[in-house]
N, C-alpha and C. Protein backbone atom coordinates (compact mmCIF):
# COMPACT_ATOMS: atom_id res chain seq x y z
N UNK A 1 9.79 0.09 2.70
CA UNK A 1 9.03 -1.05 3.18
C UNK A 1 9.16 -2.15 2.15
N UNK A 2 9.24 -3.38 2.64
CA UNK A 2 9.58 -4.50 1.79
C UNK A 2 8.51 -5.60 1.89
N UNK A 3 7.86 -5.90 0.76
CA UNK A 3 6.84 -6.95 0.72
C UNK A 3 7.43 -8.30 1.11
N UNK A 4 8.62 -8.59 0.59
CA UNK A 4 9.25 -9.89 0.87
C UNK A 4 9.48 -10.07 2.38
N UNK A 5 9.93 -9.04 3.05
CA UNK A 5 10.16 -9.12 4.50
C UNK A 5 8.85 -9.32 5.25
N UNK A 6 7.80 -8.67 4.80
CA UNK A 6 6.47 -8.83 5.42
C UNK A 6 6.01 -10.28 5.26
N UNK A 7 6.16 -10.82 4.05
CA UNK A 7 5.74 -12.20 3.81
C UNK A 7 6.56 -13.18 4.65
N UNK A 8 7.84 -12.89 4.83
CA UNK A 8 8.67 -13.73 5.70
C UNK A 8 8.20 -13.63 7.15
N UNK A 9 7.84 -12.42 7.58
CA UNK A 9 7.36 -12.21 8.95
C UNK A 9 6.13 -13.05 9.24
N UNK A 10 5.23 -13.16 8.25
CA UNK A 10 4.00 -13.92 8.48
C UNK A 10 4.12 -15.37 8.02
N UNK A 11 5.35 -15.79 7.66
CA UNK A 11 5.63 -17.17 7.25
C UNK A 11 4.79 -17.60 6.05
N UNK A 12 4.63 -16.68 5.10
CA UNK A 12 3.84 -17.00 3.90
C UNK A 12 4.77 -17.23 2.73
N UNK A 13 4.64 -18.42 2.12
CA UNK A 13 5.47 -18.74 0.95
C UNK A 13 4.62 -19.26 -0.21
N UNK A 14 3.32 -19.03 -0.14
CA UNK A 14 2.41 -19.50 -1.19
C UNK A 14 2.38 -18.57 -2.39
N UNK A 15 1.44 -18.83 -3.26
CA UNK A 15 1.27 -18.05 -4.48
C UNK A 15 0.88 -16.61 -4.13
N UNK A 16 1.31 -15.68 -4.97
CA UNK A 16 0.99 -14.27 -4.77
C UNK A 16 -0.07 -13.77 -5.75
N UNK A 17 -0.61 -14.66 -6.56
CA UNK A 17 -1.65 -14.26 -7.50
C UNK A 17 -2.86 -13.75 -6.71
N UNK A 18 -3.40 -12.58 -7.07
CA UNK A 18 -4.53 -12.05 -6.31
C UNK A 18 -5.84 -12.78 -6.61
N UNK A 19 -6.17 -13.74 -5.75
CA UNK A 19 -7.44 -14.46 -5.87
C UNK A 19 -7.94 -14.80 -4.47
N UNK A 20 -9.14 -15.32 -4.38
CA UNK A 20 -9.76 -15.57 -3.08
C UNK A 20 -9.00 -16.60 -2.26
N UNK A 21 -8.55 -17.67 -2.88
CA UNK A 21 -7.80 -18.71 -2.15
C UNK A 21 -6.54 -18.14 -1.51
N UNK A 22 -5.79 -17.35 -2.27
CA UNK A 22 -4.56 -16.77 -1.73
C UNK A 22 -4.85 -15.70 -0.70
N UNK A 23 -5.93 -14.95 -0.89
CA UNK A 23 -6.34 -13.95 0.10
C UNK A 23 -6.63 -14.62 1.44
N UNK A 24 -7.35 -15.72 1.40
CA UNK A 24 -7.64 -16.46 2.64
C UNK A 24 -6.35 -16.95 3.31
N UNK A 25 -5.43 -17.46 2.50
CA UNK A 25 -4.16 -17.95 3.05
C UNK A 25 -3.33 -16.82 3.64
N UNK A 26 -3.29 -15.68 2.97
CA UNK A 26 -2.55 -14.52 3.48
C UNK A 26 -3.16 -14.01 4.78
N UNK A 27 -4.49 -13.92 4.82
CA UNK A 27 -5.16 -13.44 6.02
C UNK A 27 -4.91 -14.38 7.20
N UNK A 28 -4.97 -15.67 6.95
CA UNK A 28 -4.71 -16.64 8.02
C UNK A 28 -3.27 -16.54 8.50
N UNK A 29 -2.33 -16.43 7.58
CA UNK A 29 -0.91 -16.31 7.95
C UNK A 29 -0.70 -15.06 8.80
N UNK A 30 -1.31 -13.97 8.40
CA UNK A 30 -1.18 -12.71 9.15
C UNK A 30 -1.78 -12.86 10.55
N UNK A 31 -2.97 -13.42 10.60
CA UNK A 31 -3.68 -13.58 11.87
C UNK A 31 -2.93 -14.50 12.84
N UNK A 32 -2.28 -15.52 12.32
CA UNK A 32 -1.59 -16.50 13.17
C UNK A 32 -0.22 -16.03 13.63
N UNK A 33 0.34 -15.00 13.01
CA UNK A 33 1.71 -14.60 13.36
C UNK A 33 1.85 -13.19 13.91
N UNK A 34 0.87 -12.34 13.71
CA UNK A 34 0.96 -10.95 14.19
C UNK A 34 -0.07 -10.75 15.30
N UNK A 35 0.40 -10.57 16.53
CA UNK A 35 -0.54 -10.46 17.65
C UNK A 35 -1.28 -9.12 17.69
N UNK A 36 -2.54 -9.20 18.08
CA UNK A 36 -3.29 -7.99 18.40
C UNK A 36 -2.90 -7.63 19.82
N UNK A 37 -2.45 -6.40 20.02
CA UNK A 37 -1.96 -6.01 21.33
C UNK A 37 -2.22 -4.53 21.57
N UNK A 38 -2.70 -4.23 22.76
CA UNK A 38 -2.87 -2.83 23.15
C UNK A 38 -2.05 -2.49 24.39
N UNK A 39 -1.08 -3.33 24.73
CA UNK A 39 -0.29 -3.13 25.94
C UNK A 39 0.52 -1.85 25.92
N UNK A 40 0.89 -1.39 24.72
CA UNK A 40 1.69 -0.17 24.64
C UNK A 40 0.94 1.05 25.21
N UNK A 41 -0.39 1.01 25.17
CA UNK A 41 -1.17 2.11 25.74
C UNK A 41 -0.91 2.26 27.24
N UNK A 42 -0.70 1.13 27.93
CA UNK A 42 -0.48 1.16 29.37
C UNK A 42 0.88 1.74 29.73
N UNK A 43 1.79 1.76 28.76
CA UNK A 43 3.10 2.38 28.97
C UNK A 43 3.14 3.83 28.52
N UNK A 44 1.98 4.34 28.13
CA UNK A 44 1.91 5.73 27.72
C UNK A 44 2.16 5.99 26.24
N UNK A 45 2.44 4.95 25.48
CA UNK A 45 2.66 5.13 24.05
C UNK A 45 1.33 5.31 23.32
N UNK A 46 1.41 5.95 22.17
CA UNK A 46 0.22 6.11 21.34
C UNK A 46 0.42 5.31 20.06
N UNK A 47 -0.68 4.93 19.46
CA UNK A 47 -0.62 4.24 18.18
C UNK A 47 -0.32 5.25 17.09
N UNK A 48 0.40 4.80 16.09
CA UNK A 48 0.70 5.64 14.95
C UNK A 48 -0.16 5.21 13.77
N UNK A 49 -0.54 6.14 12.95
CA UNK A 49 -1.23 5.82 11.71
C UNK A 49 -0.30 6.03 10.52
N UNK A 50 0.98 6.27 10.80
CA UNK A 50 1.98 6.42 9.74
C UNK A 50 2.43 5.03 9.34
N UNK A 51 2.18 4.68 8.10
CA UNK A 51 2.42 3.32 7.63
C UNK A 51 3.85 2.84 7.86
N UNK A 52 4.82 3.68 7.59
CA UNK A 52 6.23 3.28 7.78
C UNK A 52 6.53 2.97 9.24
N UNK A 53 5.91 3.70 10.15
CA UNK A 53 6.12 3.44 11.58
C UNK A 53 5.46 2.13 12.00
N UNK A 54 4.29 1.85 11.45
CA UNK A 54 3.61 0.59 11.76
C UNK A 54 4.43 -0.57 11.21
N UNK A 55 4.96 -0.43 10.00
CA UNK A 55 5.80 -1.47 9.39
C UNK A 55 7.01 -1.76 10.29
N UNK A 56 7.67 -0.71 10.75
CA UNK A 56 8.83 -0.89 11.64
C UNK A 56 8.44 -1.63 12.91
N UNK A 57 7.32 -1.24 13.49
CA UNK A 57 6.85 -1.84 14.73
C UNK A 57 6.53 -3.32 14.56
N UNK A 58 5.79 -3.65 13.51
CA UNK A 58 5.29 -5.02 13.34
C UNK A 58 6.29 -5.93 12.62
N UNK A 59 6.76 -5.51 11.49
CA UNK A 59 7.63 -6.37 10.67
C UNK A 59 9.06 -6.38 11.18
N UNK A 60 9.62 -5.22 11.44
CA UNK A 60 11.03 -5.14 11.84
C UNK A 60 11.23 -5.51 13.31
N UNK A 61 10.42 -4.92 14.20
CA UNK A 61 10.59 -5.16 15.64
C UNK A 61 9.82 -6.37 16.14
N UNK A 62 8.88 -6.89 15.34
CA UNK A 62 8.13 -8.08 15.73
C UNK A 62 7.08 -7.86 16.79
N UNK A 63 6.59 -6.64 16.92
CA UNK A 63 5.56 -6.34 17.90
C UNK A 63 4.19 -6.50 17.28
N UNK A 64 3.17 -6.48 18.12
CA UNK A 64 1.80 -6.51 17.65
C UNK A 64 1.25 -5.10 17.55
N UNK A 65 -0.05 -5.01 17.38
CA UNK A 65 -0.66 -3.69 17.28
C UNK A 65 -2.16 -3.77 17.43
N UNK A 66 -2.79 -2.62 17.33
CA UNK A 66 -4.24 -2.54 17.42
C UNK A 66 -4.84 -2.62 16.02
N UNK A 67 -6.16 -2.70 15.99
CA UNK A 67 -6.92 -2.91 14.77
C UNK A 67 -6.49 -2.02 13.61
N UNK A 68 -6.47 -0.71 13.81
CA UNK A 68 -6.18 0.20 12.70
C UNK A 68 -4.74 0.04 12.22
N UNK A 69 -3.82 -0.30 13.11
CA UNK A 69 -2.44 -0.51 12.70
C UNK A 69 -2.31 -1.77 11.86
N UNK A 70 -2.83 -2.88 12.39
CA UNK A 70 -2.66 -4.17 11.71
C UNK A 70 -3.46 -4.24 10.42
N UNK A 71 -4.67 -3.73 10.43
CA UNK A 71 -5.48 -3.75 9.22
C UNK A 71 -4.90 -2.82 8.16
N UNK A 72 -4.40 -1.67 8.59
CA UNK A 72 -3.77 -0.75 7.64
C UNK A 72 -2.54 -1.33 6.99
N UNK A 73 -1.72 -2.02 7.79
CA UNK A 73 -0.52 -2.65 7.25
C UNK A 73 -0.88 -3.80 6.31
N UNK A 74 -1.87 -4.59 6.70
CA UNK A 74 -2.31 -5.70 5.85
C UNK A 74 -2.91 -5.16 4.54
N UNK A 75 -3.62 -4.04 4.62
CA UNK A 75 -4.16 -3.40 3.43
C UNK A 75 -3.04 -2.99 2.48
N UNK A 76 -1.97 -2.43 3.03
CA UNK A 76 -0.81 -2.05 2.22
C UNK A 76 -0.25 -3.27 1.50
N UNK A 77 -0.10 -4.39 2.23
CA UNK A 77 0.43 -5.61 1.62
C UNK A 77 -0.47 -6.06 0.46
N UNK A 78 -1.76 -6.11 0.71
CA UNK A 78 -2.68 -6.54 -0.34
C UNK A 78 -2.63 -5.62 -1.55
N UNK A 79 -2.54 -4.32 -1.32
CA UNK A 79 -2.42 -3.37 -2.43
C UNK A 79 -1.16 -3.66 -3.25
N UNK A 80 -0.06 -3.94 -2.56
CA UNK A 80 1.20 -4.24 -3.25
C UNK A 80 1.11 -5.52 -4.08
N UNK A 81 0.26 -6.44 -3.64
CA UNK A 81 0.12 -7.73 -4.33
C UNK A 81 -0.94 -7.69 -5.43
N UNK A 82 -1.59 -6.54 -5.63
CA UNK A 82 -2.52 -6.41 -6.73
C UNK A 82 -3.99 -6.55 -6.38
N UNK A 83 -4.31 -6.63 -5.10
CA UNK A 83 -5.71 -6.68 -4.69
C UNK A 83 -6.28 -5.27 -4.71
N UNK A 84 -7.58 -5.17 -4.91
CA UNK A 84 -8.27 -3.89 -4.81
C UNK A 84 -8.87 -3.81 -3.41
N UNK A 85 -8.48 -2.78 -2.67
CA UNK A 85 -8.92 -2.66 -1.28
C UNK A 85 -9.60 -1.31 -1.05
N UNK A 86 -10.45 -1.29 -0.05
CA UNK A 86 -11.03 -0.05 0.45
C UNK A 86 -11.29 -0.25 1.94
N UNK A 87 -11.57 0.84 2.63
CA UNK A 87 -11.70 0.76 4.07
C UNK A 87 -12.84 1.65 4.55
N UNK A 88 -13.41 1.27 5.67
CA UNK A 88 -14.40 2.09 6.35
C UNK A 88 -14.26 1.84 7.85
N UNK A 89 -14.94 2.63 8.63
CA UNK A 89 -14.91 2.38 10.08
C UNK A 89 -16.10 1.50 10.45
N UNK A 90 -15.99 0.85 11.58
CA UNK A 90 -17.05 -0.03 12.04
C UNK A 90 -17.16 0.09 13.56
N UNK A 91 -18.35 -0.23 14.07
CA UNK A 91 -18.59 -0.27 15.51
C UNK A 91 -19.36 -1.54 15.85
N UNK A 92 -19.32 -1.92 17.11
CA UNK A 92 -20.05 -3.09 17.58
C UNK A 92 -21.46 -2.69 17.98
N UNK A 93 -22.40 -3.58 17.72
CA UNK A 93 -23.79 -3.38 18.13
C UNK A 93 -24.12 -4.41 19.19
N UNK A 94 -24.60 -3.94 20.34
CA UNK A 94 -24.98 -4.83 21.43
C UNK A 94 -26.47 -5.14 21.33
N UNK A 95 -26.79 -6.34 20.94
CA UNK A 95 -28.17 -6.75 20.73
C UNK A 95 -28.99 -6.63 22.01
N UNK A 96 -28.43 -7.11 23.13
CA UNK A 96 -29.18 -7.08 24.39
C UNK A 96 -29.53 -5.66 24.83
N UNK A 97 -28.63 -4.73 24.58
CA UNK A 97 -28.85 -3.35 25.00
C UNK A 97 -29.47 -2.50 23.89
N UNK A 98 -29.58 -3.08 22.70
CA UNK A 98 -30.13 -2.36 21.56
C UNK A 98 -29.40 -1.03 21.35
N UNK A 99 -28.06 -1.11 21.39
CA UNK A 99 -27.27 0.13 21.28
C UNK A 99 -25.93 -0.15 20.62
N UNK A 100 -25.41 0.88 19.94
CA UNK A 100 -24.07 0.81 19.36
C UNK A 100 -23.04 1.15 20.42
N UNK A 101 -21.92 0.48 20.38
CA UNK A 101 -20.83 0.77 21.31
C UNK A 101 -20.30 2.17 21.04
N UNK A 102 -20.18 2.97 22.06
CA UNK A 102 -19.72 4.35 21.92
C UNK A 102 -18.21 4.43 22.10
N UNK A 103 -17.60 5.30 21.32
CA UNK A 103 -16.19 5.64 21.53
C UNK A 103 -15.18 4.60 21.10
N UNK A 104 -15.59 3.53 20.50
CA UNK A 104 -14.65 2.49 20.08
C UNK A 104 -14.92 2.15 18.62
N UNK A 105 -14.03 2.58 17.78
CA UNK A 105 -14.20 2.36 16.35
C UNK A 105 -13.16 1.38 15.85
N UNK A 106 -13.53 0.65 14.85
CA UNK A 106 -12.61 -0.32 14.25
C UNK A 106 -12.46 -0.04 12.77
N UNK A 107 -11.45 -0.63 12.21
CA UNK A 107 -11.05 -0.47 10.82
C UNK A 107 -11.59 -1.68 10.06
N UNK A 108 -12.49 -1.48 9.14
CA UNK A 108 -13.04 -2.59 8.37
C UNK A 108 -12.44 -2.55 6.96
N UNK A 109 -11.80 -3.62 6.59
CA UNK A 109 -11.10 -3.71 5.30
C UNK A 109 -11.95 -4.50 4.32
N UNK A 110 -12.17 -3.93 3.16
CA UNK A 110 -12.89 -4.61 2.09
C UNK A 110 -11.89 -4.95 0.99
N UNK A 111 -12.00 -6.16 0.45
CA UNK A 111 -11.10 -6.60 -0.61
C UNK A 111 -11.94 -7.16 -1.75
N UNK A 112 -11.65 -6.71 -2.95
CA UNK A 112 -12.32 -7.27 -4.13
C UNK A 112 -11.25 -7.73 -5.10
N UNK A 113 -11.58 -8.71 -5.90
CA UNK A 113 -10.62 -9.20 -6.88
C UNK A 113 -11.28 -9.24 -8.25
N UNK A 114 -10.47 -9.17 -9.26
CA UNK A 114 -10.96 -9.22 -10.63
C UNK A 114 -11.72 -10.52 -10.88
N UNK A 115 -11.27 -11.60 -10.27
CA UNK A 115 -11.91 -12.90 -10.44
C UNK A 115 -13.37 -12.84 -9.98
N UNK A 116 -13.62 -12.20 -8.82
CA UNK A 116 -14.98 -12.12 -8.31
C UNK A 116 -15.87 -11.26 -9.20
N UNK A 117 -15.31 -10.20 -9.75
CA UNK A 117 -16.09 -9.36 -10.67
C UNK A 117 -16.51 -10.19 -11.89
N UNK A 118 -15.61 -11.00 -12.39
CA UNK A 118 -15.94 -11.84 -13.54
C UNK A 118 -17.02 -12.85 -13.18
N UNK A 119 -16.91 -13.45 -12.00
CA UNK A 119 -17.91 -14.42 -11.58
C UNK A 119 -19.27 -13.78 -11.42
N UNK A 120 -19.32 -12.58 -10.83
CA UNK A 120 -20.58 -11.89 -10.66
C UNK A 120 -21.17 -11.54 -12.04
N UNK A 121 -20.33 -11.08 -12.94
CA UNK A 121 -20.79 -10.71 -14.28
C UNK A 121 -21.38 -11.92 -15.02
N UNK A 122 -20.78 -13.09 -14.83
CA UNK A 122 -21.27 -14.27 -15.53
C UNK A 122 -22.65 -14.68 -15.02
N UNK A 123 -22.92 -14.42 -13.72
CA UNK A 123 -24.24 -14.74 -13.18
C UNK A 123 -25.29 -13.75 -13.65
N UNK A 124 -24.88 -12.52 -13.92
CA UNK A 124 -25.83 -11.50 -14.33
C UNK A 124 -26.25 -11.64 -15.80
N UNK A 125 -25.43 -12.30 -16.61
CA UNK A 125 -25.77 -12.38 -18.03
C UNK A 125 -26.52 -13.64 -18.40
């Protein structure tokens, strides 16, 4: 898997320094160029959680994907660029029904940077 090819796929040519400004730019570039798509389910295909397969699907073949595929691939990119990432699952809460959505889970990506840790530390002292 190639970081440079991924960056070309999302048309990103900005700075690669891991900071909040660049994270926002990377996320926007990814969001604007990689479609969220679940159409493959209607053809009987299943989503893969194997990173190399997701990379081939999105970066090489130019297809879109579902939440866990796209977020997982974006997490890989951020890890390669020096960001600290972690992940958890998430669900939707319907306020009107006072209930959590059943059977539909999403991939929630958390990103932290050394810069933010320093800023938080400076406020605490």
